[in-house]
C-alpha atoms as a PDB file:
ATOM      1  CA  UNK A   1      97.034 165.428  44.505  1.00  0.00           C
ATOM      2  CA  UNK A   2      94.798 166.839  47.249  1.00  0.00           C
ATOM      3  CA  UNK A   3      91.674 164.785  47.993  1.00  0.00           C
ATOM      4  CA  UNK A   4      88.442 166.606  47.111  1.00  0.00           C
ATOM      5  CA  UNK A   5      86.542 167.489  50.312  1.00  0.00           C
ATOM      6  CA  UNK A   6      84.044 169.963  51.750  1.00  0.00           C
ATOM      7  CA  UNK A   7      86.674 172.588  52.510  1.00  0.00           C
ATOM      8  CA  UNK A   8      87.922 172.384  48.930  1.00  0.00           C
ATOM      9  CA  UNK A   9      84.400 173.265  47.725  1.00  0.00           C
ATOM     10  CA  UNK A  10      83.899 176.189  50.108  1.00  0.00           C
ATOM     11  CA  UNK A  11      87.082 178.133  49.313  1.00  0.00           C
ATOM     12  CA  UNK A  12      86.204 178.530  45.649  1.00  0.00           C
ATOM     13  CA  UNK A  13      82.951 180.427  45.902  1.00  0.00           C
ATOM     14  CA  UNK A  14      81.300 181.502  42.696  1.00  0.00           C
ATOM     15  CA  UNK A  15      84.102 180.184  40.449  1.00  0.00           C
ATOM     16  CA  UNK A  16      83.601 176.604  41.535  1.00  0.00           C
ATOM     17  CA  UNK A  17      79.816 176.908  41.407  1.00  0.00           C
ATOM     18  CA  UNK A  18      79.944 178.122  37.820  1.00  0.00           C
ATOM     19  CA  UNK A  19      82.347 175.315  36.908  1.00  0.00           C
ATOM     20  CA  UNK A  20      80.094 172.735  38.514  1.00  0.00           C
ATOM     21  CA  UNK A  21      77.194 174.142  36.481  1.00  0.00           C
ATOM     22  CA  UNK A  22      79.302 173.553  33.391  1.00  0.00           C
ATOM     23  CA  UNK A  23      80.032 170.033  34.590  1.00  0.00           C
ATOM     24  CA  UNK A  24      76.322 169.413  35.146  1.00  0.00           C
ATOM     25  CA  UNK A  25      75.866 169.791  31.383  1.00  0.00           C
ATOM     26  CA  UNK A  26      78.403 167.027  30.767  1.00  0.00           C
ATOM     27  CA  UNK A  27      82.012 167.975  31.459  1.00  0.00           C
ATOM     28  CA  UNK A  28      84.566 170.737  31.299  1.00  0.00           C
ATOM     29  CA  UNK A  29      84.672 171.686  27.639  1.00  0.00           C
ATOM     30  CA  UNK A  30      87.917 170.386  26.092  1.00  0.00           C
ATOM     31  CA  UNK A  31      90.337 173.315  25.827  1.00  0.00           C
ATOM     32  CA  UNK A  32      93.519 171.644  24.571  1.00  0.00           C
ATOM     33  CA  UNK A  33      94.656 172.240  20.971  1.00  0.00           C
ATOM     34  CA  UNK A  34      97.374 169.720  20.031  1.00  0.00           C
ATOM     35  CA  UNK A  35      97.978 171.331  16.661  1.00  0.00           C
ATOM     36  CA  UNK A  36     100.237 173.880  15.026  1.00  0.00           C
ATOM     37  CA  UNK A  37      99.502 177.045  13.069  1.00  0.00           C
ATOM     38  CA  UNK A  38     100.482 175.303   9.826  1.00  0.00           C
ATOM     39  CA  UNK A  39      97.899 174.476   7.180  1.00  0.00           C
ATOM     40  CA  UNK A  40      97.889 171.213   5.275  1.00  0.00           C
ATOM     41  CA  UNK A  41      97.363 172.320   1.681  1.00  0.00           C
ATOM     42  CA  UNK A  42      94.506 171.328  -0.635  1.00  0.00           C
ATOM     43  CA  UNK A  43      93.374 167.733  -0.236  1.00  0.00           C
ATOM     44  CA  UNK A  44      96.019 166.730   2.327  1.00  0.00           C
ATOM     45  CA  UNK A  45      94.924 165.173   5.623  1.00  0.00           C
ATOM     46  CA  UNK A  46      96.032 164.993   9.243  1.00  0.00           C
ATOM     47  CA  UNK A  47      94.946 162.684  12.070  1.00  0.00           C
ATOM     48  CA  UNK A  48      95.791 163.182  15.750  1.00  0.00           C
ATOM     49  CA  UNK A  49      94.967 160.832  18.618  1.00  0.00           C
ATOM     50  CA  UNK A  50      95.281 162.293  22.103  1.00  0.00           C
ATOM     51  CA  UNK A  51      94.802 161.885  25.863  1.00  0.00           C
ATOM     52  CA  UNK A  52      94.084 164.698  28.360  1.00  0.00           C
ATOM     53  CA  UNK A  53      93.959 164.880  32.151  1.00  0.00           C
ATOM     54  CA  UNK A  54      92.187 167.906  33.675  1.00  0.00           C
ATOM     55  CA  UNK A  55      92.398 169.194  37.255  1.00  0.00           C
ATOM     56  CA  UNK A  56      90.901 172.136  39.174  1.00  0.00           C
ATOM     57  CA  UNK A  57      93.213 174.350  41.273  1.00  0.00           C
ATOM     58  CA  UNK A  58      92.528 177.206  43.685  1.00  0.00           C
ATOM     59  CA  UNK A  59      93.903 178.538  46.971  1.00  0.00           C
ATOM     60  CA  UNK A  60      96.901 176.244  46.703  1.00  0.00           C
ATOM     61  CA  UNK A  61      94.796 173.083  46.462  1.00  0.00           C
ATOM     62  CA  UNK A  62      93.941 170.934  43.464  1.00  0.00           C
ATOM     63  CA  UNK A  63      91.748 167.998  42.526  1.00  0.00           C
ATOM     64  CA  UNK A  64      91.442 165.816  39.461  1.00  0.00           C
ATOM     65  CA  UNK A  65      88.300 166.544  37.395  1.00  0.00           C
ATOM     66  CA  UNK A  66      88.307 164.340  34.300  1.00  0.00           C
ATOM     67  CA  UNK A  67      90.269 162.303  31.783  1.00  0.00           C
ATOM     68  CA  UNK A  68      89.492 162.157  28.095  1.00  0.00           C
ATOM     69  CA  UNK A  69      90.550 160.325  24.974  1.00  0.00           C
ATOM     70  CA  UNK A  70      90.007 161.856  21.583  1.00  0.00           C
ATOM     71  CA  UNK A  71      90.793 162.005  17.913  1.00  0.00           C
ATOM     72  CA  UNK A  72      91.080 164.964  15.566  1.00  0.00           C
ATOM     73  CA  UNK A  73      91.061 164.920  11.780  1.00  0.00           C
ATOM     74  CA  UNK A  74      91.720 167.718   9.337  1.00  0.00           C
ATOM     75  CA  UNK A  75      91.634 168.135   5.583  1.00  0.00           C
ATOM     76  CA  UNK A  76      93.112 170.947   3.539  1.00  0.00           C
ATOM     77  CA  UNK A  77      90.316 172.747   1.683  1.00  0.00           C
ATOM     78  CA  UNK A  78      92.402 175.610   0.240  1.00  0.00           C
ATOM     79  CA  UNK A  79      95.934 176.949   0.570  1.00  0.00           C
ATOM     80  CA  UNK A  80      94.570 179.301   3.230  1.00  0.00           C
ATOM     81  CA  UNK A  81      91.941 177.042   4.870  1.00  0.00           C
ATOM     82  CA  UNK A  82      91.621 173.650   6.572  1.00  0.00           C
ATOM     83  CA  UNK A  83      88.489 172.058   7.982  1.00  0.00           C
ATOM     84  CA  UNK A  84      88.869 170.216  11.298  1.00  0.00           C
ATOM     85  CA  UNK A  85      86.714 167.672  13.156  1.00  0.00           C
ATOM     86  CA  UNK A  86      87.250 166.549  16.773  1.00  0.00           C
ATOM     87  CA  UNK A  87      85.643 163.861  18.921  1.00  0.00           C
ATOM     88  CA  UNK A  88      86.352 163.395  22.630  1.00  0.00           C
ATOM     89  CA  UNK A  89      85.170 160.783  25.139  1.00  0.00           C
ATOM     90  CA  UNK A  90      85.247 162.187  28.666  1.00  0.00           C
ATOM     91  CA  UNK A  91      85.286 160.376  31.986  1.00  0.00           C
ATOM     92  CA  UNK A  92      84.440 162.513  35.021  1.00  0.00           C
ATOM     93  CA  UNK A  93      86.046 161.964  38.393  1.00  0.00           C
ATOM     94  CA  UNK A  94      83.323 160.589  40.765  1.00  0.00           C
ATOM     95  CA  UNK A  95      83.819 163.574  43.111  1.00  0.00           C
ATOM     96  CA  UNK A  96      82.572 165.917  40.376  1.00  0.00           C
ATOM     97  CA  UNK A  97      79.460 164.051  39.305  1.00  0.00           C
ATOM     98  CA  UNK A  98      77.961 160.736  38.319  1.00  0.00           C
ATOM     99  CA  UNK A  99      77.275 161.548  34.667  1.00  0.00           C
ATOM    100  CA  UNK A 100      78.348 158.709  32.399  1.00  0.00           C
ATOM    101  CA  UNK A 101      78.669 158.425  28.639  1.00  0.00           C
ATOM    102  CA  UNK A 102      79.911 161.974  27.977  1.00  0.00           C
ATOM    103  CA  UNK A 103      80.882 162.694  24.374  1.00  0.00           C
ATOM    104  CA  UNK A 104      82.040 165.970  22.861  1.00  0.00           C
ATOM    105  CA  UNK A 105      82.032 166.801  19.146  1.00  0.00           C
ATOM    106  CA  UNK A 106      83.561 169.914  17.599  1.00  0.00           C
ATOM    107  CA  UNK A 107      84.190 171.114  14.060  1.00  0.00           C
ATOM    108  CA  UNK A 108      85.123 174.249  12.175  1.00  0.00           C
ATOM    109  CA  UNK A 109      87.431 176.072   9.751  1.00  0.00           C
ATOM    110  CA  UNK A 110      91.052 177.065  10.321  1.00  0.00           C
ATOM    111  CA  UNK A 111      92.561 179.981   8.367  1.00  0.00           C
ATOM    112  CA  UNK A 112      96.182 180.988   7.830  1.00  0.00           C
ATOM    113  CA  UNK A 113      97.141 184.562   8.736  1.00  0.00           C
ATOM    114  CA  UNK A 114     100.924 184.272   8.425  1.00  0.00           C
ATOM    115  CA  UNK A 115     101.998 181.149   6.528  1.00  0.00           C
ATOM    116  CA  UNK A 116     103.222 178.439   8.940  1.00  0.00           C
ATOM    117  CA  UNK A 117     103.402 180.945  11.811  1.00  0.00           C
ATOM    118  CA  UNK A 118      99.944 182.312  12.725  1.00  0.00           C
ATOM    119  CA  UNK A 119      96.434 180.931  12.162  1.00  0.00           C
ATOM    120  CA  UNK A 120      92.904 181.405  13.497  1.00  0.00           C
ATOM    121  CA  UNK A 121      90.419 178.630  14.180  1.00  0.00           C
ATOM    122  CA  UNK A 122      86.643 178.826  14.750  1.00  0.00           C
ATOM    123  CA  UNK A 123      85.336 175.491  16.080  1.00  0.00           C
ATOM    124  CA  UNK A 124      81.783 175.048  17.324  1.00  0.00           C
ATOM    125  CA  UNK A 125      80.778 172.026  19.363  1.00  0.00           C
ATOM    126  CA  UNK A 126      78.441 170.340  21.792  1.00  0.00           C
ATOM    127  CA  UNK A 127      78.293 167.508  24.328  1.00  0.00           C
ATOM    128  CA  UNK A 128      75.940 164.530  24.124  1.00  0.00           C
ATOM    129  CA  UNK A 129      75.284 161.300  25.984  1.00  0.00           C
ATOM    130  CA  UNK A 130      73.320 160.019  28.971  1.00  0.00           C
ATOM    131  CA  UNK A 131      71.461 162.691  30.988  1.00  0.00           C
ATOM    132  CA  UNK A 132      72.831 165.551  28.870  1.00  0.00           C
ATOM    133  CA  UNK A 133      70.625 168.237  27.322  1.00  0.00           C
ATOM    134  CA  UNK A 134      72.494 168.873  24.079  1.00  0.00           C
ATOM    135  CA  UNK A 135      70.973 172.321  23.536  1.00  0.00           C
ATOM    136  CA  UNK A 136      72.571 173.520  26.807  1.00  0.00           C
ATOM    137  CA  UNK A 137      76.106 172.579  25.743  1.00  0.00           C
ATOM    138  CA  UNK A 138      76.738 174.390  22.442  1.00  0.00           C
ATOM    139  CA  UNK A 139      79.807 176.635  22.427  1.00  0.00           C
ATOM    140  CA  UNK A 140      82.083 178.417  19.951  1.00  0.00           C
ATOM    141  CA  UNK A 141      85.822 178.680  20.659  1.00  0.00           C
ATOM    142  CA  UNK A 142      87.549 181.417  18.591  1.00  0.00           C
ATOM    143  CA  UNK A 143      91.247 180.501  18.747  1.00  0.00           C
ATOM    144  CA  UNK A 144      94.536 182.033  17.658  1.00  0.00           C
ATOM    145  CA  UNK A 145      97.405 179.611  16.997  1.00  0.00           C
ATOM    146  CA  UNK A 146     101.128 180.293  16.757  1.00  0.00           C
ATOM    147  CA  UNK A 147     104.046 178.119  15.675  1.00  0.00           C
ATOM    148  CA  UNK A 148     107.666 178.866  16.570  1.00  0.00           C
ATOM    149  CA  UNK A 149     110.045 176.464  14.796  1.00  0.00           C
ATOM    150  CA  UNK A 150     113.254 175.664  16.686  1.00  0.00           C
ATOM    151  CA  UNK A 151     114.799 173.216  14.228  1.00  0.00           C
ATOM    152  CA  UNK A 152     113.614 170.386  11.971  1.00  0.00           C
ATOM    153  CA  UNK A 153     112.932 168.217  15.033  1.00  0.00           C
ATOM    154  CA  UNK A 154     111.134 170.661  17.357  1.00  0.00           C
ATOM    155  CA  UNK A 155     108.528 173.417  17.256  1.00  0.00           C
ATOM    156  CA  UNK A 156     106.547 175.233  19.949  1.00  0.00           C
ATOM    157  CA  UNK A 157     102.821 175.891  19.517  1.00  0.00           C
ATOM    158  CA  UNK A 158     101.293 178.451  21.900  1.00  0.00           C
ATOM    159  CA  UNK A 159      97.614 179.293  21.513  1.00  0.00           C
ATOM    160  CA  UNK A 160      94.807 181.265  23.146  1.00  0.00           C
ATOM    161  CA  UNK A 161      91.043 180.936  22.906  1.00  0.00           C
ATOM    162  CA  UNK A 162      87.735 182.237  24.219  1.00  0.00           C
ATOM    163  CA  UNK A 163      85.063 179.656  25.129  1.00  0.00           C
ATOM    164  CA  UNK A 164      81.721 181.307  24.376  1.00  0.00           C
ATOM    165  CA  UNK A 165      78.516 179.416  25.278  1.00  0.00           C
ATOM    166  CA  UNK A 166      75.450 179.895  23.124  1.00  0.00           C
ATOM    167  CA  UNK A 167      73.276 180.288  26.271  1.00  0.00           C
ATOM    168  CA  UNK A 168      73.725 183.794  27.640  1.00  0.00           C
ATOM    169  CA  UNK A 169      73.331 182.750  31.280  1.00  0.00           C
ATOM    170  CA  UNK A 170      76.482 180.600  31.097  1.00  0.00           C
ATOM    171  CA  UNK A 171      79.930 182.100  31.684  1.00  0.00           C
ATOM    172  CA  UNK A 172      82.422 182.919  28.938  1.00  0.00           C
ATOM    173  CA  UNK A 173      85.869 181.536  29.774  1.00  0.00           C
ATOM    174  CA  UNK A 174      89.390 181.924  28.365  1.00  0.00           C
ATOM    175  CA  UNK A 175      92.165 179.380  27.869  1.00  0.00           C
ATOM    176  CA  UNK A 176      95.885 179.463  27.110  1.00  0.00           C
ATOM    177  CA  UNK A 177      97.923 176.504  25.879  1.00  0.00           C
ATOM    178  CA  UNK A 178     101.591 175.793  25.285  1.00  0.00           C
ATOM    179  CA  UNK A 179     102.326 172.756  23.169  1.00  0.00           C
ATOM    180  CA  UNK A 180     105.218 171.328  21.213  1.00  0.00           C
ATOM    181  CA  UNK A 181     105.728 169.209  18.122  1.00  0.00           C
ATOM    182  CA  UNK A 182     108.575 166.698  18.384  1.00  0.00           C
ATOM    183  CA  UNK A 183     109.635 164.476  15.487  1.00  0.00           C
ATOM    184  CA  UNK A 184     112.472 163.240  13.309  1.00  0.00           C
ATOM    185  CA  UNK A 185     110.365 164.426  10.336  1.00  0.00           C
ATOM    186  CA  UNK A 186     107.649 166.840  11.422  1.00  0.00           C
ATOM    187  CA  UNK A 187     106.027 166.760   7.967  1.00  0.00           C
ATOM    188  CA  UNK A 188     105.205 163.063   8.429  1.00  0.00           C
ATOM    189  CA  UNK A 189     104.433 162.637  12.134  1.00  0.00           C
ATOM    190  CA  UNK A 190     104.750 164.421  15.479  1.00  0.00           C
ATOM    191  CA  UNK A 191     104.433 163.766  19.208  1.00  0.00           C
ATOM    192  CA  UNK A 192     102.504 166.645  20.787  1.00  0.00           C
ATOM    193  CA  UNK A 193     102.844 167.251  24.553  1.00  0.00           C
ATOM    194  CA  UNK A 194     100.818 170.206  25.827  1.00  0.00           C
ATOM    195  CA  UNK A 195      99.852 172.041  29.012  1.00  0.00           C
ATOM    196  CA  UNK A 196      97.002 174.547  29.256  1.00  0.00           C
ATOM    197  CA  UNK A 197      94.961 176.682  31.644  1.00  0.00           C
ATOM    198  CA  UNK A 198      91.260 177.607  31.607  1.00  0.00           C
ATOM    199  CA  UNK A 199      90.014 180.654  33.539  1.00  0.00           C
ATOM    200  CA  UNK A 200      86.724 182.267  34.449  1.00  0.00           C
ATOM    201  CA  UNK A 201      87.767 185.955  34.188  1.00  0.00           C
ATOM    202  CA  UNK A 202      87.425 187.861  37.433  1.00  0.00           C
ATOM    203  CA  UNK A 203      87.241 184.722  39.564  1.00  0.00           C
ATOM    204  CA  UNK A 204      89.980 182.874  41.440  1.00  0.00           C
ATOM    205  CA  UNK A 205      91.003 179.366  40.490  1.00  0.00           C
ATOM    206  CA  UNK A 206      91.569 177.665  37.169  1.00  0.00           C
ATOM    207  CA  UNK A 207      91.411 174.377  35.325  1.00  0.00           C
ATOM    208  CA  UNK A 208      94.658 172.883  34.072  1.00  0.00           C
ATOM    209  CA  UNK A 209      95.213 170.108  31.529  1.00  0.00           C
ATOM    210  CA  UNK A 210      98.152 167.918  30.637  1.00  0.00           C
ATOM    211  CA  UNK A 211      97.760 166.320  27.226  1.00  0.00           C
ATOM    212  CA  UNK A 212      99.698 164.119  24.872  1.00  0.00           C
ATOM    213  CA  UNK A 213      98.894 163.700  21.188  1.00  0.00           C
ATOM    214  CA  UNK A 214     100.306 161.841  18.217  1.00  0.00           C
ATOM    215  CA  UNK A 215      99.805 163.258  14.709  1.00  0.00           C
ATOM    216  CA  UNK A 216     100.333 161.552  11.393  1.00  0.00           C
ATOM    217  CA  UNK A 217     100.272 163.038   7.908  1.00  0.00           C
ATOM    218  CA  UNK A 218      99.570 160.349   5.286  1.00  0.00           C
ATOM    219  CA  UNK A 219     101.268 160.834   1.939  1.00  0.00           C
ATOM    220  CA  UNK A 220      98.141 160.367  -0.118  1.00  0.00           C
ATOM    221  CA  UNK A 221      96.037 163.328  -1.235  1.00  0.00           C
ATOM    222  CA  UNK A 222      92.246 163.426  -1.469  1.00  0.00           C
ATOM    223  CA  UNK A 223      92.282 166.029  -4.269  1.00  0.00           C
ATOM    224  CA  UNK A 224      94.348 168.842  -5.725  1.00  0.00           C
ATOM    225  CA  UNK A 225      93.347 172.374  -6.679  1.00  0.00           C
END
Protein backbone atom coordinates (compact mmCIF):
# COMPACT_ATOMS: atom_id res chain seq x y z
CA UNK A 1 0.00 0.00 0.00
CA UNK A 2 1.33 3.45 -0.93
CA UNK A 3 1.26 6.02 1.88
CA UNK A 4 -1.14 8.90 1.21
CA UNK A 5 0.84 12.12 0.64
CA UNK A 6 0.67 15.50 -1.10
CA UNK A 7 1.79 14.13 -4.45
CA UNK A 8 -0.92 11.48 -4.29
CA UNK A 9 -3.53 14.26 -3.95
CA UNK A 10 -2.18 16.39 -6.80
CA UNK A 11 -2.11 13.72 -9.53
CA UNK A 12 -5.83 13.04 -9.29
CA UNK A 13 -7.23 16.44 -10.13
CA UNK A 14 -10.97 16.79 -10.35
CA UNK A 15 -11.66 13.07 -9.72
CA UNK A 16 -10.11 13.13 -6.28
CA UNK A 17 -11.72 16.46 -5.42
CA UNK A 18 -15.16 15.12 -6.26
CA UNK A 19 -14.49 11.98 -4.23
CA UNK A 20 -13.34 14.02 -1.26
CA UNK A 21 -16.57 16.03 -1.53
CA UNK A 22 -18.43 12.75 -1.31
CA UNK A 23 -16.33 11.79 1.70
CA UNK A 24 -17.10 15.13 3.35
CA UNK A 25 -20.75 14.03 3.49
CA UNK A 26 -19.76 10.90 5.41
CA UNK A 27 -17.97 8.25 3.36
CA UNK A 28 -17.74 6.59 -0.01
CA UNK A 29 -21.20 5.18 -0.59
CA UNK A 30 -21.09 1.38 -0.18
CA UNK A 31 -21.03 -0.16 -3.66
CA UNK A 32 -20.61 -3.87 -2.91
CA UNK A 33 -23.55 -6.25 -3.47
CA UNK A 34 -22.84 -9.62 -1.81
CA UNK A 35 -25.99 -11.19 -3.19
CA UNK A 36 -27.15 -13.26 -6.13
CA UNK A 37 -29.86 -12.70 -8.73
CA UNK A 38 -32.05 -15.33 -7.05
CA UNK A 39 -35.24 -14.38 -5.24
CA UNK A 40 -36.27 -15.94 -1.95
CA UNK A 41 -39.94 -16.74 -2.50
CA UNK A 42 -42.90 -15.44 -0.47
CA UNK A 43 -42.20 -15.13 3.24
CA UNK A 44 -38.68 -16.60 3.15
CA UNK A 45 -35.79 -14.61 4.63
CA UNK A 46 -32.07 -14.10 4.12
CA UNK A 47 -29.45 -12.50 6.37
CA UNK A 48 -25.92 -11.57 5.28
CA UNK A 49 -23.15 -10.19 7.48
CA UNK A 50 -20.19 -8.65 5.67
CA UNK A 51 -16.90 -6.74 5.83
CA UNK A 52 -15.51 -4.40 3.14
CA UNK A 53 -12.18 -2.65 2.64
CA UNK A 54 -12.12 0.26 0.15
CA UNK A 55 -9.08 1.88 -1.48
CA UNK A 56 -8.54 4.70 -4.01
CA UNK A 57 -6.24 4.08 -7.01
CA UNK A 58 -4.93 6.36 -9.74
CA UNK A 59 -1.73 6.86 -11.74
CA UNK A 60 -0.36 3.58 -10.44
CA UNK A 61 -0.70 4.58 -6.78
CA UNK A 62 -3.27 3.56 -4.19
CA UNK A 63 -4.32 4.40 -0.66
CA UNK A 64 -6.74 2.86 1.80
CA UNK A 65 -9.94 4.91 2.25
CA UNK A 66 -12.27 3.08 4.64
CA UNK A 67 -13.36 -0.17 6.23
CA UNK A 68 -16.95 -1.08 6.96
CA UNK A 69 -18.98 -3.76 8.68
CA UNK A 70 -22.56 -4.35 7.72
CA UNK A 71 -25.60 -6.55 7.69
CA UNK A 72 -28.24 -7.10 5.03
CA UNK A 73 -31.65 -8.69 5.44
CA UNK A 74 -34.19 -9.64 2.82
CA UNK A 75 -37.70 -11.06 2.82
CA UNK A 76 -39.58 -12.55 -0.10
CA UNK A 77 -42.69 -10.47 -0.79
CA UNK A 78 -43.81 -12.23 -3.99
CA UNK A 79 -42.46 -14.87 -6.35
CA UNK A 80 -41.07 -12.00 -8.43
CA UNK A 81 -40.11 -9.54 -5.66
CA UNK A 82 -37.98 -9.33 -2.51
CA UNK A 83 -37.55 -6.37 -0.19
CA UNK A 84 -34.03 -5.74 1.12
CA UNK A 85 -32.63 -3.66 4.00
CA UNK A 86 -28.93 -2.87 4.56
CA UNK A 87 -27.03 -1.18 7.38
CA UNK A 88 -23.32 -0.35 7.25
CA UNK A 89 -20.96 1.13 9.85
CA UNK A 90 -18.04 2.88 8.15
CA UNK A 91 -14.65 3.82 9.53
CA UNK A 92 -12.69 6.35 7.47
CA UNK A 93 -8.93 6.23 7.18
CA UNK A 94 -7.53 9.30 9.07
CA UNK A 95 -5.85 10.55 5.87
CA UNK A 96 -9.29 11.04 4.28
CA UNK A 97 -11.03 12.88 7.09
CA UNK A 98 -11.79 12.99 10.78
CA UNK A 99 -15.51 12.25 10.57
CA UNK A 100 -16.55 9.68 13.16
CA UNK A 101 -19.76 7.75 13.70
CA UNK A 102 -20.63 7.21 10.02
CA UNK A 103 -23.67 5.01 9.40
CA UNK A 104 -25.29 4.13 6.08
CA UNK A 105 -28.82 2.76 5.66
CA UNK A 106 -30.29 1.50 2.39
CA UNK A 107 -33.50 -0.26 1.41
CA UNK A 108 -35.51 -1.14 -1.66
CA UNK A 109 -37.21 -3.76 -3.85
CA UNK A 110 -35.54 -6.45 -5.94
CA UNK A 111 -37.34 -7.92 -8.97
CA UNK A 112 -36.67 -11.08 -10.96
CA UNK A 113 -36.25 -10.70 -14.73
CA UNK A 114 -35.04 -14.21 -15.56
CA UNK A 115 -35.69 -16.68 -12.74
CA UNK A 116 -32.48 -17.37 -10.77
CA UNK A 117 -30.35 -15.73 -13.48
CA UNK A 118 -31.12 -12.00 -13.82
CA UNK A 119 -32.66 -9.48 -11.40
CA UNK A 120 -32.89 -5.72 -10.92
CA UNK A 121 -32.63 -3.90 -7.61
CA UNK A 122 -33.58 -0.31 -6.71
CA UNK A 123 -32.17 0.61 -3.28
CA UNK A 124 -32.30 4.15 -1.92
CA UNK A 125 -30.20 5.18 1.06
CA UNK A 126 -28.54 7.85 3.12
CA UNK A 127 -25.71 8.39 5.61
CA UNK A 128 -26.15 9.67 9.16
CA UNK A 129 -24.04 10.27 12.24
CA UNK A 130 -21.81 12.95 13.76
CA UNK A 131 -21.26 16.05 11.59
CA UNK A 132 -23.26 14.63 8.67
CA UNK A 133 -26.06 16.54 6.93
CA UNK A 134 -28.41 13.68 6.08
CA UNK A 135 -30.20 15.59 3.32
CA UNK A 136 -26.90 15.86 1.39
CA UNK A 137 -26.33 12.09 1.32
CA UNK A 138 -29.45 10.57 -0.27
CA UNK A 139 -28.78 8.40 -3.32
CA UNK A 140 -30.53 5.78 -5.46
CA UNK A 141 -28.53 2.87 -6.90
CA UNK A 142 -30.32 1.12 -9.82
CA UNK A 143 -28.59 -2.26 -10.07
CA UNK A 144 -28.66 -5.24 -12.41
CA UNK A 145 -27.66 -8.60 -10.91
CA UNK A 146 -26.61 -11.81 -12.65
CA UNK A 147 -26.03 -15.33 -11.36
CA UNK A 148 -24.01 -17.95 -13.25
CA UNK A 149 -24.20 -21.34 -11.51
CA UNK A 150 -21.12 -23.54 -11.90
CA UNK A 151 -22.23 -26.51 -9.80
CA UNK A 152 -24.12 -27.08 -6.54
CA UNK A 153 -21.16 -25.70 -4.58
CA UNK A 154 -20.26 -22.57 -6.58
CA UNK A 155 -21.91 -19.69 -8.40
CA UNK A 156 -20.62 -16.39 -9.79
CA UNK A 157 -22.55 -13.16 -9.25
CA UNK A 158 -21.52 -10.21 -11.45
CA UNK A 159 -23.44 -6.96 -11.11
CA UNK A 160 -23.45 -3.35 -12.29
CA UNK A 161 -25.01 -0.23 -10.83
CA UNK A 162 -25.35 3.53 -11.19
CA UNK A 163 -25.00 5.65 -8.03
CA UNK A 164 -27.29 8.64 -8.52
CA UNK A 165 -27.28 11.39 -5.85
CA UNK A 166 -30.48 13.28 -5.17
CA UNK A 167 -28.55 16.60 -5.20
CA UNK A 168 -27.89 17.61 -8.79
CA UNK A 169 -24.54 19.24 -8.03
CA UNK A 170 -23.06 15.90 -6.92
CA UNK A 171 -21.54 13.48 -9.44
CA UNK A 172 -23.25 10.33 -10.70
CA UNK A 173 -20.90 7.34 -10.50
CA UNK A 174 -20.92 3.75 -11.79
CA UNK A 175 -19.79 0.52 -10.17
CA UNK A 176 -19.08 -3.04 -11.29
CA UNK A 177 -18.80 -6.04 -8.98
CA UNK A 178 -17.80 -9.67 -9.35
CA UNK A 179 -18.79 -11.92 -6.48
CA UNK A 180 -19.15 -15.61 -5.81
CA UNK A 181 -21.30 -17.86 -3.65
CA UNK A 182 -19.46 -20.83 -2.15
CA UNK A 183 -21.20 -23.50 -0.08
CA UNK A 184 -21.83 -27.19 0.45
CA UNK A 185 -25.56 -26.33 0.25
CA UNK A 186 -26.11 -22.92 -1.33
CA UNK A 187 -29.82 -22.98 -0.44
CA UNK A 188 -28.94 -22.93 3.28
CA UNK A 189 -25.80 -20.79 3.55
CA UNK A 190 -23.04 -19.24 1.44
CA UNK A 191 -19.66 -17.54 1.80
CA UNK A 192 -19.57 -14.51 -0.51
CA UNK A 193 -16.18 -13.08 -1.55
CA UNK A 194 -16.42 -10.07 -3.87
CA UNK A 195 -14.30 -7.45 -5.62
CA UNK A 196 -15.69 -4.27 -7.17
CA UNK A 197 -14.76 -0.97 -8.81
CA UNK A 198 -16.38 2.47 -8.57
CA UNK A 199 -15.76 5.09 -11.28
CA UNK A 200 -16.52 8.74 -11.91
CA UNK A 201 -17.14 8.58 -15.69
CA UNK A 202 -14.75 10.69 -17.71
CA UNK A 203 -12.23 11.02 -14.89
CA UNK A 204 -9.12 8.98 -14.14
CA UNK A 205 -8.84 6.86 -11.02
CA UNK A 206 -11.26 4.56 -9.26
CA UNK A 207 -12.29 3.15 -5.91
CA UNK A 208 -11.88 -0.57 -5.35
CA UNK A 209 -13.38 -2.78 -2.64
CA UNK A 210 -12.61 -6.25 -1.36
CA UNK A 211 -15.49 -7.72 0.61
CA UNK A 212 -16.42 -10.92 2.34
CA UNK A 213 -19.95 -11.87 3.33
CA UNK A 214 -21.70 -14.80 4.96
CA UNK A 215 -25.36 -15.51 4.11
CA UNK A 216 -27.79 -17.77 5.89
CA UNK A 217 -31.26 -18.84 4.83
CA UNK A 218 -33.32 -19.96 7.85
CA UNK A 219 -35.80 -22.74 7.20
CA UNK A 220 -38.74 -20.98 8.78
CA UNK A 221 -41.17 -18.91 6.71
CA UNK A 222 -42.83 -15.67 7.78
CA UNK A 223 -45.89 -16.27 5.57
CA UNK A 224 -47.02 -18.04 2.42
CA UNK A 225 -49.00 -16.74 -0.53
